[in-house]
Protein backbone atom coordinates (compact mmCIF):
# COMPACT_ATOMS: atom_id res chain seq x y z
CA MET A 1 9.64 -30.04 44.21
CA MET A 2 6.09 -29.95 45.37
CA GLU A 3 6.96 -28.63 48.68
CA THR A 4 8.89 -25.55 47.01
CA GLN A 5 5.93 -24.90 44.99
CA SER A 6 3.52 -24.96 48.08
CA SER A 7 6.12 -22.72 49.98
CA VAL A 8 6.30 -20.18 47.03
CA HIS A 9 2.43 -20.04 46.92
CA LEU A 10 2.08 -19.61 50.70
CA SER A 11 4.71 -16.96 50.72
CA CYS A 12 2.83 -15.03 47.94
CA PHE A 13 -0.37 -15.31 49.81
CA ILE A 14 0.98 -14.05 52.80
CA GLU A 15 2.82 -11.10 50.82
CA ALA A 16 -0.64 -10.52 49.17
CA ILE A 17 -2.35 -10.07 52.61
CA ALA A 18 0.52 -7.73 53.87
CA LEU A 19 0.32 -5.65 50.66
CA ALA A 20 -3.49 -5.48 50.68
CA LYS A 21 -3.19 -4.17 54.30
CA HIS A 22 -0.45 -1.57 53.78
CA GLU A 23 -0.68 -0.42 50.23
CA GLN A 24 -3.58 1.27 48.58
CA CYS A 25 -4.93 -1.79 46.53
CA GLU A 26 -8.57 -1.25 45.62
CA THR A 27 -8.66 -4.08 43.04
CA ARG A 28 -7.41 -7.34 42.41
CA ASP A 29 -5.41 -6.28 39.30
CA GLU A 30 -3.56 -3.65 41.43
CA LEU A 31 -2.65 -6.19 43.96
CA LYS A 32 -1.63 -8.75 41.26
CA ALA A 33 0.63 -6.23 39.68
CA LEU A 34 2.44 -5.37 43.10
CA LEU A 35 2.86 -9.15 43.56
CA GLU A 36 4.47 -9.41 40.18
CA GLN A 37 6.73 -6.31 40.79
CA LYS A 38 7.82 -8.19 43.85
CA GLY A 39 9.05 -11.21 41.61
CA TYR A 40 6.17 -13.70 41.85
CA LYS A 41 5.24 -15.50 38.49
CA ASP A 42 1.92 -14.44 36.74
CA THR A 43 0.19 -17.83 37.73
CA VAL A 44 1.20 -17.64 41.31
CA ALA A 45 0.16 -14.09 41.74
CA SER A 46 -3.15 -14.69 40.08
CA HIS A 47 -3.86 -17.77 42.33
CA ALA A 48 -3.05 -15.92 45.61
CA VAL A 49 -5.20 -12.82 44.49
CA GLU A 50 -8.08 -15.02 43.61
CA GLU A 51 -7.97 -16.30 47.32
CA ILE A 52 -8.29 -12.86 48.60
CA SER A 53 -11.89 -11.60 48.83
CA PRO A 54 -12.79 -8.20 47.36
CA GLN A 55 -14.27 -7.18 50.47
CA TYR A 56 -10.91 -7.73 52.29
CA LEU A 57 -9.21 -5.34 49.90
CA ALA A 58 -12.00 -2.60 50.43
CA ALA A 59 -11.56 -3.04 54.25
CA PHE A 60 -8.34 -1.37 54.38
């Protein structure tokens, strides 16, 4: 079960980077909302978004 959770977290983090790069996400809240729309649970989306620095979002 731990491996499955790790896979989901990794998948969500990768998706967060892709969304930040290709979507107009200016805030962490916008990115989190997009991840939740993609089907990730609130806690998983929140954790992934916390790992992405605000400067990264602004860079795109």
